[in-house]
C-alpha atoms as a PDB file:
ATOM      1  CA  MET A   1      10.528  -9.016 -21.130  1.00  0.00           C
ATOM      2  CA  HIS A   2       8.497 -11.507 -19.104  1.00  0.00           C
ATOM      3  CA  ALA A   3       5.288 -10.600 -17.311  1.00  0.00           C
ATOM      4  CA  MET A   4       2.342 -12.043 -15.409  1.00  0.00           C
ATOM      5  CA  VAL A   5      -0.663 -10.715 -17.320  1.00  0.00           C
ATOM      6  CA  LEU A   6      -4.320 -10.391 -16.295  1.00  0.00           C
ATOM      7  CA  LYS A   7      -6.621 -10.870 -19.305  1.00  0.00           C
ATOM      8  CA  ALA A   8     -10.054 -10.997 -17.655  1.00  0.00           C
ATOM      9  CA  PRO A   9     -11.500 -10.324 -14.198  1.00  0.00           C
ATOM     10  CA  GLY A  10     -10.985 -13.249 -11.864  1.00  0.00           C
ATOM     11  CA  ALA A  11      -8.801 -15.131 -14.358  1.00  0.00           C
ATOM     12  CA  PRO A  12      -5.399 -16.515 -13.382  1.00  0.00           C
ATOM     13  CA  LEU A  13      -2.458 -14.379 -14.421  1.00  0.00           C
ATOM     14  CA  GLU A  14      -0.689 -15.723 -17.515  1.00  0.00           C
ATOM     15  CA  PHE A  15       3.100 -15.801 -17.879  1.00  0.00           C
ATOM     16  CA  GLU A  16       4.003 -14.068 -21.155  1.00  0.00           C
ATOM     17  CA  LEU A  17       7.050 -13.193 -23.215  1.00  0.00           C
ATOM     18  CA  ARG A  18       6.699  -9.688 -24.683  1.00  0.00           C
ATOM     19  CA  ALA A  19       8.814  -7.231 -26.599  1.00  0.00           C
ATOM     20  CA  ASP A  20      10.686  -4.854 -24.322  1.00  0.00           C
ATOM     21  CA  PRO A  21       8.601  -1.689 -23.814  1.00  0.00           C
ATOM     22  CA  VAL A  22       9.893   1.600 -25.212  1.00  0.00           C
ATOM     23  CA  PRO A  23       9.596   4.698 -22.986  1.00  0.00           C
ATOM     24  CA  GLY A  24       7.788   7.672 -24.494  1.00  0.00           C
ATOM     25  CA  PRO A  25       8.279  11.375 -23.719  1.00  0.00           C
ATOM     26  CA  GLY A  26       8.822  11.920 -20.008  1.00  0.00           C
ATOM     27  CA  GLU A  27       8.946   8.176 -19.329  1.00  0.00           C
ATOM     28  CA  VAL A  28      11.636   5.754 -18.192  1.00  0.00           C
ATOM     29  CA  ARG A  29      12.030   2.011 -18.579  1.00  0.00           C
ATOM     30  CA  ILE A  30      12.919   0.148 -15.399  1.00  0.00           C
ATOM     31  CA  THR A  31      14.450  -3.263 -14.861  1.00  0.00           C
ATOM     32  CA  VAL A  32      12.453  -4.662 -11.949  1.00  0.00           C
ATOM     33  CA  GLY A  33      14.411  -5.893  -8.946  1.00  0.00           C
ATOM     34  CA  ALA A  34      11.405  -6.648  -6.739  1.00  0.00           C
ATOM     35  CA  CYS A  35       7.673  -5.952  -6.621  1.00  0.00           C
ATOM     36  CA  GLY A  36       5.555  -6.204  -3.515  1.00  0.00           C
ATOM     37  CA  VAL A  37       2.184  -7.933  -3.598  1.00  0.00           C
ATOM     38  CA  CYS A  38      -0.517  -5.649  -2.218  1.00  0.00           C
ATOM     39  CA  ARG A  39      -4.140  -6.290  -1.315  1.00  0.00           C
ATOM     40  CA  THR A  40      -5.086  -3.768  -4.003  1.00  0.00           C
ATOM     41  CA  ASP A  41      -3.578  -6.203  -6.534  1.00  0.00           C
ATOM     42  CA  LEU A  42      -6.270  -8.634  -5.385  1.00  0.00           C
ATOM     43  CA  HIS A  43      -8.975  -6.048  -6.071  1.00  0.00           C
ATOM     44  CA  VAL A  44      -7.535  -5.568  -9.575  1.00  0.00           C
ATOM     45  CA  VAL A  45      -7.313  -9.297 -10.278  1.00  0.00           C
ATOM     46  CA  ASP A  46     -10.792  -9.968  -8.888  1.00  0.00           C
ATOM     47  CA  GLY A  47     -12.315  -7.176 -10.982  1.00  0.00           C
ATOM     48  CA  GLU A  48     -13.500  -5.216  -7.951  1.00  0.00           C
ATOM     49  CA  LEU A  49     -12.179  -1.879  -9.219  1.00  0.00           C
ATOM     50  CA  PRO A  50     -13.886  -0.001 -12.082  1.00  0.00           C
ATOM     51  CA  ASN A  51     -12.615   0.869 -15.544  1.00  0.00           C
ATOM     52  CA  ILE A  52      -9.950  -1.822 -15.936  1.00  0.00           C
ATOM     53  CA  SER A  53      -8.802  -2.306 -19.531  1.00  0.00           C
ATOM     54  CA  TYR A  54      -7.485  -5.783 -20.264  1.00  0.00           C
ATOM     55  CA  PRO A  55      -4.868  -7.078 -20.630  1.00  0.00           C
ATOM     56  CA  ILE A  56      -3.086  -5.419 -17.696  1.00  0.00           C
ATOM     57  CA  ILE A  57       0.036  -6.281 -15.701  1.00  0.00           C
ATOM     58  CA  PRO A  58      -0.609  -5.783 -11.951  1.00  0.00           C
ATOM     59  CA  GLY A  59       1.899  -4.655  -9.335  1.00  0.00           C
ATOM     60  CA  HIS A  60       2.555  -1.216  -7.858  1.00  0.00           C
ATOM     61  CA  GLU A  61       5.252  -1.671  -5.201  1.00  0.00           C
ATOM     62  CA  VAL A  62       8.147  -1.665  -7.626  1.00  0.00           C
ATOM     63  CA  VAL A  63      11.860  -1.268  -6.981  1.00  0.00           C
ATOM     64  CA  GLY A  64      14.321  -1.393  -9.855  1.00  0.00           C
ATOM     65  CA  ARG A  65      16.874   0.450 -11.942  1.00  0.00           C
ATOM     66  CA  VAL A  66      16.383   2.817 -14.844  1.00  0.00           C
ATOM     67  CA  ASP A  67      17.701   1.220 -18.036  1.00  0.00           C
ATOM     68  CA  ALA A  68      16.287   3.580 -20.703  1.00  0.00           C
ATOM     69  CA  LEU A  69      15.225   7.219 -20.787  1.00  0.00           C
ATOM     70  CA  GLY A  70      12.449   8.638 -22.923  1.00  0.00           C
ATOM     71  CA  PRO A  71      12.715  12.058 -24.576  1.00  0.00           C
ATOM     72  CA  GLY A  72      12.792  14.952 -22.140  1.00  0.00           C
ATOM     73  CA  VAL A  73      13.757  13.045 -18.989  1.00  0.00           C
ATOM     74  CA  THR A  74      16.481  14.915 -17.112  1.00  0.00           C
ATOM     75  CA  SER A  75      15.684  14.165 -13.466  1.00  0.00           C
ATOM     76  CA  LEU A  76      16.800  10.503 -13.579  1.00  0.00           C
ATOM     77  CA  ARG A  77      19.828   8.722 -15.008  1.00  0.00           C
ATOM     78  CA  ILE A  78      20.602   5.281 -16.431  1.00  0.00           C
ATOM     79  CA  GLY A  79      21.355   2.817 -13.628  1.00  0.00           C
ATOM     80  CA  GLU A  80      19.635   4.864 -10.926  1.00  0.00           C
ATOM     81  CA  ARG A  81      17.692   2.881  -8.360  1.00  0.00           C
ATOM     82  CA  VAL A  82      14.082   4.039  -8.125  1.00  0.00           C
ATOM     83  CA  GLY A  83      10.710   3.114  -6.692  1.00  0.00           C
ATOM     84  CA  VAL A  84       7.444   3.165  -8.636  1.00  0.00           C
ATOM     85  CA  PRO A  85       4.308   3.691  -6.515  1.00  0.00           C
ATOM     86  CA  TRP A  86       0.549   3.316  -7.044  1.00  0.00           C
ATOM     87  CA  LEU A  87       0.132   6.900  -8.277  1.00  0.00           C
ATOM     88  CA  GLY A  88       1.533   6.759 -11.796  1.00  0.00           C
ATOM     89  CA  HIS A  89       0.473  10.088 -13.321  1.00  0.00           C
ATOM     90  CA  THR A  90      -1.822  13.056 -12.699  1.00  0.00           C
ATOM     91  CA  CYS A  91      -3.199  15.683 -15.047  1.00  0.00           C
ATOM     92  CA  GLY A  92      -1.757  18.697 -13.198  1.00  0.00           C
ATOM     93  CA  GLU A  93      -4.707  20.805 -14.354  1.00  0.00           C
ATOM     94  CA  CYS A  94      -7.824  19.843 -12.376  1.00  0.00           C
ATOM     95  CA  PRO A  95      -8.819  21.737  -9.200  1.00  0.00           C
ATOM     96  CA  TYR A  96      -7.379  18.974  -7.012  1.00  0.00           C
ATOM     97  CA  CYS A  97      -3.974  19.007  -8.696  1.00  0.00           C
ATOM     98  CA  ARG A  98      -3.840  22.796  -8.615  1.00  0.00           C
ATOM     99  CA  SER A  99      -4.615  22.825  -4.889  1.00  0.00           C
ATOM    100  CA  GLY A 100      -1.887  20.316  -3.958  1.00  0.00           C
ATOM    101  CA  ARG A 101      -4.226  17.322  -3.695  1.00  0.00           C
ATOM    102  CA  GLU A 102      -2.993  15.293  -6.621  1.00  0.00           C
ATOM    103  CA  ASN A 103      -4.121  12.122  -4.859  1.00  0.00           C
ATOM    104  CA  LEU A 104      -7.671  13.178  -5.821  1.00  0.00           C
ATOM    105  CA  CYS A 105      -6.835  14.024  -9.448  1.00  0.00           C
ATOM    106  CA  ASP A 106      -9.765  13.792 -11.849  1.00  0.00           C
ATOM    107  CA  ARG A 107      -7.692  12.086 -14.571  1.00  0.00           C
ATOM    108  CA  PRO A 108      -5.040   9.977 -12.856  1.00  0.00           C
ATOM    109  CA  LEU A 109      -3.188   6.872 -13.963  1.00  0.00           C
ATOM    110  CA  PHE A 110      -2.361   4.116 -11.496  1.00  0.00           C
ATOM    111  CA  THR A 111       0.502   1.640 -11.717  1.00  0.00           C
ATOM    112  CA  GLY A 112      -0.705  -1.927 -12.149  1.00  0.00           C
ATOM    113  CA  TYR A 113      -4.317  -0.802 -12.604  1.00  0.00           C
ATOM    114  CA  THR A 114      -4.674   1.670 -15.463  1.00  0.00           C
ATOM    115  CA  ARG A 115      -1.094   1.297 -16.718  1.00  0.00           C
ATOM    116  CA  ASP A 116       1.108  -1.798 -16.668  1.00  0.00           C
ATOM    117  CA  GLY A 117       2.834  -2.528 -13.389  1.00  0.00           C
ATOM    118  CA  GLY A 118       5.660  -4.470 -11.853  1.00  0.00           C
ATOM    119  CA  PHE A 119       4.670  -8.154 -11.994  1.00  0.00           C
ATOM    120  CA  ALA A 120       7.263  -8.294 -14.767  1.00  0.00           C
ATOM    121  CA  THR A 121      10.949  -8.039 -15.544  1.00  0.00           C
ATOM    122  CA  HIS A 122      10.517  -4.519 -16.975  1.00  0.00           C
ATOM    123  CA  LEU A 123       8.002  -1.687 -16.904  1.00  0.00           C
ATOM    124  CA  VAL A 124       7.651   1.833 -18.256  1.00  0.00           C
ATOM    125  CA  ALA A 125       6.795   4.597 -15.781  1.00  0.00           C
ATOM    126  CA  ASP A 126       6.355   8.356 -15.803  1.00  0.00           C
ATOM    127  CA  GLY A 127       9.745   9.636 -14.665  1.00  0.00           C
ATOM    128  CA  SER A 128       8.157  12.431 -12.619  1.00  0.00           C
ATOM    129  CA  TYR A 129       6.350   9.884 -10.428  1.00  0.00           C
ATOM    130  CA  CYS A 130       9.348   7.680  -9.604  1.00  0.00           C
ATOM    131  CA  PHE A 131      11.136   8.056  -6.286  1.00  0.00           C
ATOM    132  CA  PRO A 132      14.963   8.007  -6.277  1.00  0.00           C
ATOM    133  CA  LEU A 133      15.882   5.510  -3.560  1.00  0.00           C
ATOM    134  CA  GLY A 134      19.653   5.612  -3.294  1.00  0.00           C
ATOM    135  CA  GLU A 135      21.460   2.416  -2.402  1.00  0.00           C
ATOM    136  CA  ALA A 136      20.314   1.856   1.183  1.00  0.00           C
ATOM    137  CA  ASP A 137      18.621  -1.482   1.950  1.00  0.00           C
ATOM    138  CA  ASP A 138      17.864  -4.149  -0.623  1.00  0.00           C
ATOM    139  CA  ASP A 139      15.092  -4.251  -3.210  1.00  0.00           C
ATOM    140  CA  VAL A 140      12.984  -6.868  -1.415  1.00  0.00           C
ATOM    141  CA  ALA A 141      12.995  -5.006   1.889  1.00  0.00           C
ATOM    142  CA  THR A 142      12.181  -1.718   0.173  1.00  0.00           C
ATOM    143  CA  ALA A 143       9.368  -2.853  -2.147  1.00  0.00           C
ATOM    144  CA  PRO A 144       6.545  -2.899   0.476  1.00  0.00           C
ATOM    145  CA  LEU A 145       7.332   0.710   1.348  1.00  0.00           C
ATOM    146  CA  LEU A 146       6.064   1.813  -2.083  1.00  0.00           C
ATOM    147  CA  CYS A 147       2.395   1.293  -1.149  1.00  0.00           C
ATOM    148  CA  ALA A 148       1.968  -0.363   2.242  1.00  0.00           C
ATOM    149  CA  GLY A 149       4.423   2.172   3.611  1.00  0.00           C
ATOM    150  CA  LEU A 150       3.201   5.210   1.679  1.00  0.00           C
ATOM    151  CA  ILE A 151      -0.531   4.662   2.203  1.00  0.00           C
ATOM    152  CA  GLY A 152       0.251   3.642   5.770  1.00  0.00           C
ATOM    153  CA  TRP A 153       2.079   6.909   6.327  1.00  0.00           C
ATOM    154  CA  ARG A 154      -0.749   8.998   4.854  1.00  0.00           C
ATOM    155  CA  SER A 155      -3.289   7.203   7.036  1.00  0.00           C
ATOM    156  CA  LEU A 156      -1.106   7.663  10.132  1.00  0.00           C
ATOM    157  CA  VAL A 157      -0.871  11.403   9.511  1.00  0.00           C
ATOM    158  CA  MET A 158      -4.637  11.556   8.973  1.00  0.00           C
ATOM    159  CA  ALA A 159      -5.204   9.692  12.251  1.00  0.00           C
ATOM    160  CA  GLY A 160      -3.743  12.648  14.155  1.00  0.00           C
ATOM    161  CA  ASP A 161      -1.183  12.679  16.929  1.00  0.00           C
ATOM    162  CA  GLY A 162      -3.054  10.684  19.577  1.00  0.00           C
ATOM    163  CA  LYS A 163      -0.927   8.482  21.811  1.00  0.00           C
ATOM    164  CA  HIS A 164      -3.031   5.297  21.745  1.00  0.00           C
ATOM    165  CA  LEU A 165      -3.364   3.937  18.184  1.00  0.00           C
ATOM    166  CA  GLY A 166      -5.316   0.899  17.035  1.00  0.00           C
ATOM    167  CA  ILE A 167      -4.393  -0.966  13.831  1.00  0.00           C
ATOM    168  CA  PHE A 168      -7.064  -3.228  12.326  1.00  0.00           C
ATOM    169  CA  GLY A 169      -5.474  -5.670   9.892  1.00  0.00           C
ATOM    170  CA  PHE A 170      -1.855  -6.300  10.823  1.00  0.00           C
ATOM    171  CA  GLY A 171      -0.383  -7.123   7.437  1.00  0.00           C
ATOM    172  CA  ALA A 172       2.014  -5.300   5.148  1.00  0.00           C
ATOM    173  CA  ALA A 173       0.844  -1.762   5.973  1.00  0.00           C
ATOM    174  CA  GLY A 174       0.080  -2.478   9.613  1.00  0.00           C
ATOM    175  CA  HIS A 175       3.495  -3.850  10.475  1.00  0.00           C
ATOM    176  CA  ILE A 176       5.216  -0.843   8.842  1.00  0.00           C
ATOM    177  CA  VAL A 177       2.974   1.771  10.459  1.00  0.00           C
ATOM    178  CA  ALA A 178       3.376   0.128  13.853  1.00  0.00           C
ATOM    179  CA  GLN A 179       7.129   0.711  13.658  1.00  0.00           C
ATOM    180  CA  VAL A 180       6.677   4.371  12.733  1.00  0.00           C
ATOM    181  CA  ALA A 181       4.125   4.869  15.504  1.00  0.00           C
ATOM    182  CA  ARG A 182       6.396   3.267  18.092  1.00  0.00           C
ATOM    183  CA  TRP A 183       9.300   5.454  16.905  1.00  0.00           C
ATOM    184  CA  GLN A 184       7.027   8.459  17.412  1.00  0.00           C
ATOM    185  CA  GLY A 185       6.392   7.369  20.988  1.00  0.00           C
ATOM    186  CA  ARG A 186       2.853   6.076  20.547  1.00  0.00           C
ATOM    187  CA  SER A 187       1.305   2.951  22.014  1.00  0.00           C
ATOM    188  CA  VAL A 188       0.071   0.461  19.410  1.00  0.00           C
ATOM    189  CA  TYR A 189      -2.838  -1.967  19.734  1.00  0.00           C
ATOM    190  CA  ALA A 190      -3.083  -4.589  16.958  1.00  0.00           C
ATOM    191  CA  PHE A 191      -6.344  -6.188  15.818  1.00  0.00           C
ATOM    192  CA  THR A 192      -6.127  -9.295  13.627  1.00  0.00           C
ATOM    193  CA  ARG A 193      -8.329 -12.059  12.306  1.00  0.00           C
ATOM    194  CA  SER A 194      -9.510 -14.188  15.177  1.00  0.00           C
ATOM    195  CA  GLY A 195      -6.855 -16.758  15.984  1.00  0.00           C
ATOM    196  CA  ASP A 196      -4.157 -15.274  13.724  1.00  0.00           C
ATOM    197  CA  VAL A 197      -1.389 -16.046  16.189  1.00  0.00           C
ATOM    198  CA  ALA A 198       1.405 -15.327  13.692  1.00  0.00           C
ATOM    199  CA  ALA A 199       0.215 -11.761  13.054  1.00  0.00           C
ATOM    200  CA  GLN A 200      -0.332 -11.164  16.772  1.00  0.00           C
ATOM    201  CA  ARG A 201       3.163 -12.412  17.584  1.00  0.00           C
ATOM    202  CA  LEU A 202       4.607 -10.158  14.887  1.00  0.00           C
ATOM    203  CA  ALA A 203       2.747  -7.183  16.375  1.00  0.00           C
ATOM    204  CA  ILE A 204       4.069  -7.863  19.861  1.00  0.00           C
ATOM    205  CA  SER A 205       7.604  -8.365  18.518  1.00  0.00           C
ATOM    206  CA  LEU A 206       7.372  -4.902  16.920  1.00  0.00           C
ATOM    207  CA  GLY A 207       6.434  -3.283  20.208  1.00  0.00           C
ATOM    208  CA  ALA A 208       2.632  -3.406  20.279  1.00  0.00           C
ATOM    209  CA  GLU A 209       1.190  -3.043  23.775  1.00  0.00           C
ATOM    210  CA  TRP A 210      -1.598  -5.496  22.993  1.00  0.00           C
ATOM    211  CA  ALA A 211      -2.723  -7.795  20.173  1.00  0.00           C
ATOM    212  CA  GLY A 212      -6.023  -9.592  19.809  1.00  0.00           C
ATOM    213  CA  GLY A 213      -8.943 -10.426  17.555  1.00  0.00           C
ATOM    214  CA  SER A 214     -10.920  -7.694  15.836  1.00  0.00           C
ATOM    215  CA  GLU A 215     -14.004  -8.448  17.949  1.00  0.00           C
ATOM    216  CA  GLU A 216     -12.099  -7.862  21.180  1.00  0.00           C
ATOM    217  CA  GLN A 217     -11.929  -4.596  23.102  1.00  0.00           C
ATOM    218  CA  PRO A 218      -8.486  -3.072  23.724  1.00  0.00           C
ATOM    219  CA  PRO A 219      -7.418  -2.543  27.342  1.00  0.00           C
ATOM    220  CA  MET A 220      -8.160   1.197  27.077  1.00  0.00           C
ATOM    221  CA  PRO A 221     -10.063   3.559  24.756  1.00  0.00           C
ATOM    222  CA  LEU A 222      -8.063   4.473  21.672  1.00  0.00           C
ATOM    223  CA  ASP A 223      -7.308   7.977  20.430  1.00  0.00           C
ATOM    224  CA  ALA A 224      -7.481   6.746  16.833  1.00  0.00           C
ATOM    225  CA  ALA A 225      -7.775   3.576  14.803  1.00  0.00           C
ATOM    226  CA  ILE A 226      -6.690   2.774  11.250  1.00  0.00           C
ATOM    227  CA  ILE A 227      -8.407   0.033   9.253  1.00  0.00           C
ATOM    228  CA  TYR A 228      -6.223  -1.697   6.652  1.00  0.00           C
ATOM    229  CA  ALA A 229      -8.323  -4.820   6.136  1.00  0.00           C
ATOM    230  CA  PRO A 230     -10.947  -4.248   3.382  1.00  0.00           C
ATOM    231  CA  VAL A 231     -13.759  -5.393   5.664  1.00  0.00           C
ATOM    232  CA  GLY A 232     -16.649  -2.995   6.199  1.00  0.00           C
ATOM    233  CA  SER A 233     -17.801  -4.744   9.372  1.00  0.00           C
ATOM    234  CA  LEU A 234     -14.634  -3.499  11.085  1.00  0.00           C
ATOM    235  CA  VAL A 235     -15.880   0.107  10.955  1.00  0.00           C
ATOM    236  CA  PRO A 236     -18.386  -0.166  13.835  1.00  0.00           C
ATOM    237  CA  LEU A 237     -15.885  -2.255  15.803  1.00  0.00           C
ATOM    238  CA  ALA A 238     -13.250   0.453  15.419  1.00  0.00           C
ATOM    239  CA  LEU A 239     -15.731   3.189  16.339  1.00  0.00           C
ATOM    240  CA  ARG A 240     -16.580   1.223  19.457  1.00  0.00           C
ATOM    241  CA  ALA A 241     -12.895   1.104  20.389  1.00  0.00           C
ATOM    242  CA  VAL A 242     -12.111   4.832  20.117  1.00  0.00           C
ATOM    243  CA  ARG A 243     -12.766   7.444  22.781  1.00  0.00           C
ATOM    244  CA  LYS A 244     -14.952  10.519  22.495  1.00  0.00           C
ATOM    245  CA  GLY A 245     -13.486  12.781  19.811  1.00  0.00           C
ATOM    246  CA  GLY A 246     -11.452   9.894  18.383  1.00  0.00           C
ATOM    247  CA  ARG A 247     -10.854   9.115  14.721  1.00  0.00           C
ATOM    248  CA  VAL A 248     -11.299   6.021  12.587  1.00  0.00           C
ATOM    249  CA  VAL A 249      -9.404   6.077   9.278  1.00  0.00           C
ATOM    250  CA  CYS A 250     -10.306   3.661   6.474  1.00  0.00           C
ATOM    251  CA  ALA A 251      -7.088   3.153   4.532  1.00  0.00           C
ATOM    252  CA  GLY A 252      -8.050   0.722   1.779  1.00  0.00           C
ATOM    253  CA  ILE A 253      -8.935   1.610  -1.807  1.00  0.00           C
ATOM    254  CA  HIS A 254     -11.810  -0.885  -1.719  1.00  0.00           C
ATOM    255  CA  MET A 255     -13.877  -2.129   1.202  1.00  0.00           C
ATOM    256  CA  SER A 256     -16.905  -4.354   1.550  1.00  0.00           C
ATOM    257  CA  ASP A 257     -20.134  -2.638   2.540  1.00  0.00           C
ATOM    258  CA  ILE A 258     -20.263  -1.046   5.978  1.00  0.00           C
ATOM    259  CA  PRO A 259     -23.152  -2.502   8.001  1.00  0.00           C
ATOM    260  CA  SER A 260     -25.615  -0.223   9.737  1.00  0.00           C
ATOM    261  CA  PHE A 261     -24.726   0.758  13.274  1.00  0.00           C
ATOM    262  CA  PRO A 262     -26.390   2.869  15.982  1.00  0.00           C
ATOM    263  CA  TYR A 263     -25.674   6.577  15.835  1.00  0.00           C
ATOM    264  CA  HIS A 264     -24.341   6.663  19.391  1.00  0.00           C
ATOM    265  CA  MET A 265     -21.203   4.856  18.163  1.00  0.00           C
ATOM    266  CA  LEU A 266     -20.367   7.878  15.999  1.00  0.00           C
ATOM    267  CA  TRP A 267     -21.740  10.497  18.371  1.00  0.00           C
ATOM    268  CA  GLU A 268     -19.556  12.529  20.765  1.00  0.00           C
ATOM    269  CA  GLU A 269     -17.551  13.915  17.841  1.00  0.00           C
ATOM    270  CA  ARG A 270     -15.982  10.691  16.712  1.00  0.00           C
ATOM    271  CA  GLN A 271     -14.787  11.004  13.112  1.00  0.00           C
ATOM    272  CA  LEU A 272     -14.864   8.506  10.248  1.00  0.00           C
ATOM    273  CA  LEU A 273     -12.398   9.312   7.438  1.00  0.00           C
ATOM    274  CA  SER A 274     -11.025   7.675   4.300  1.00  0.00           C
ATOM    275  CA  VAL A 275      -7.633   7.777   2.610  1.00  0.00           C
ATOM    276  CA  ALA A 276      -7.437   7.984  -1.178  1.00  0.00           C
ATOM    277  CA  ASN A 277      -4.168   7.189  -2.952  1.00  0.00           C
ATOM    278  CA  LEU A 278      -1.074   9.280  -2.143  1.00  0.00           C
ATOM    279  CA  THR A 279       0.836  12.337  -3.257  1.00  0.00           C
ATOM    280  CA  ARG A 280       4.467  12.589  -4.244  1.00  0.00           C
ATOM    281  CA  GLY A 281       4.895  14.773  -1.174  1.00  0.00           C
ATOM    282  CA  ASP A 282       3.803  11.813   0.955  1.00  0.00           C
ATOM    283  CA  GLY A 283       6.651   9.820  -0.571  1.00  0.00           C
ATOM    284  CA  VAL A 284       9.274  12.450   0.158  1.00  0.00           C
ATOM    285  CA  ALA A 285       8.110  12.759   3.769  1.00  0.00           C
ATOM    286  CA  PHE A 286       7.739   9.032   4.367  1.00  0.00           C
ATOM    287  CA  PHE A 287      11.097   7.904   3.014  1.00  0.00           C
ATOM    288  CA  LYS A 288      12.789  10.460   5.243  1.00  0.00           C
ATOM    289  CA  VAL A 289      10.890   9.143   8.271  1.00  0.00           C
ATOM    290  CA  ALA A 290      11.488   5.502   7.294  1.00  0.00           C
ATOM    291  CA  ALA A 291      15.253   6.075   7.291  1.00  0.00           C
ATOM    292  CA  GLN A 292      15.152   7.872  10.649  1.00  0.00           C
ATOM    293  CA  ALA A 293      12.893   5.277  12.252  1.00  0.00           C
ATOM    294  CA  GLY A 294      14.944   2.338  10.960  1.00  0.00           C
ATOM    295  CA  ILE A 295      11.941   0.570   9.435  1.00  0.00           C
ATOM    296  CA  ARG A 296      12.495  -3.122   8.801  1.00  0.00           C
ATOM    297  CA  THR A 297       9.944  -4.932   6.678  1.00  0.00           C
ATOM    298  CA  HIS A 298       8.962  -8.518   7.387  1.00  0.00           C
ATOM    299  CA  THR A 299       8.896 -10.150   3.933  1.00  0.00           C
ATOM    300  CA  SER A 300       8.403 -13.486   2.231  1.00  0.00           C
ATOM    301  CA  VAL A 301      10.013 -13.716  -1.216  1.00  0.00           C
ATOM    302  CA  PHE A 302       8.651 -15.673  -4.183  1.00  0.00           C
ATOM    303  CA  PRO A 303       9.558 -16.021  -7.882  1.00  0.00           C
ATOM    304  CA  LEU A 304       7.475 -14.083 -10.405  1.00  0.00           C
ATOM    305  CA  ARG A 305       5.858 -17.229 -11.805  1.00  0.00           C
ATOM    306  CA  GLN A 306       4.236 -17.915  -8.408  1.00  0.00           C
ATOM    307  CA  ALA A 307       2.166 -14.714  -8.493  1.00  0.00           C
ATOM    308  CA  ASN A 308      -1.155 -16.602  -8.694  1.00  0.00           C
ATOM    309  CA  GLU A 309      -0.276 -18.785  -5.736  1.00  0.00           C
ATOM    310  CA  ILE A 310       0.777 -15.790  -3.645  1.00  0.00           C
ATOM    311  CA  LEU A 311      -2.386 -13.853  -4.480  1.00  0.00           C
ATOM    312  CA  SER A 312      -4.409 -16.859  -3.314  1.00  0.00           C
ATOM    313  CA  LYS A 313      -2.457 -17.006  -0.051  1.00  0.00           C
ATOM    314  CA  LEU A 314      -2.982 -13.282   0.480  1.00  0.00           C
ATOM    315  CA  ARG A 315      -6.706 -13.661  -0.159  1.00  0.00           C
ATOM    316  CA  ALA A 316      -6.862 -16.429   2.441  1.00  0.00           C
ATOM    317  CA  GLY A 317      -4.898 -14.442   5.030  1.00  0.00           C
ATOM    318  CA  GLN A 318      -1.933 -16.807   4.874  1.00  0.00           C
ATOM    319  CA  ILE A 319       0.779 -14.156   4.424  1.00  0.00           C
ATOM    320  CA  THR A 320       2.416 -12.677   7.524  1.00  0.00           C
ATOM    321  CA  GLY A 321       3.940  -9.283   6.874  1.00  0.00           C
ATOM    322  CA  ALA A 322       4.470  -8.591   3.170  1.00  0.00           C
ATOM    323  CA  ALA A 323       4.879 -10.826   0.117  1.00  0.00           C
ATOM    324  CA  VAL A 324       7.382  -9.804  -2.567  1.00  0.00           C
ATOM    325  CA  LEU A 325       7.905 -11.156  -6.086  1.00  0.00           C
ATOM    326  CA  GLN A 326      11.327 -11.253  -7.713  1.00  0.00           C
ATOM    327  CA  PRO A 327      11.755 -11.702 -11.479  1.00  0.00           C
END
């Protein structure tokens, strides 16, 4: 197999030839068809997440086909098309797992962070945490759904059912969630980096009522806002934009520090919430909705060897929609 490997925090990924991995009990080996590039991959590469053991292969928006089964796997078959998400394994025993909140598991494994991911031609995954995808749509179009879509869906549910929804950071997750929200009959208001005309045009083309810079006020108070950009200074701006009783959901796994802000911005029963990871139930629900809503991802495709270049573009805000690597 070939892989782009991270050997130290902040170091460029190195292209390596490795022996094909062998799936253990309960695991499957997957031939990668496409792997989305997520902002969380940047946090892994930049060493911003704790407890990373090097070397590690990033990538957690994986679409491919099962090409080997480990002992005990009966739920998947050779040749089946599957998706591999961020949540790679949970203990099943801690209080969170036992109460149906496996996204908060005390001893989880995460694809592309604590176990090797999809910036490669092959990977091994826990068969119980792979999503059968069927044959609808192609691998590139589907890959961003495995994190941007899934975390986006969880954050949208957490935002409640308000009609007027703000999206701060209109990238991979934002452009997927906007389509779901519009299908649900909501009005969408997109907030981007100042002067990001491409992202604002994409938002309007997907049915947003309004698109502007993050410092701007929307034309009306919002019922809820979701923050996808990992920028803590957006929190007070989003609180300022929501009505009394409104919600602000922080949907990133890592965010820069939130600056101090006056209490009156939170007062009047505004709520500030965070999303952590996902559950397999989120995947089942989201893929059903994605098919019904006719989600179409806006993607730019690059060869695996260009992973470093694409991560740099993502860091600089030069990717519109979602970036996808193909081995």
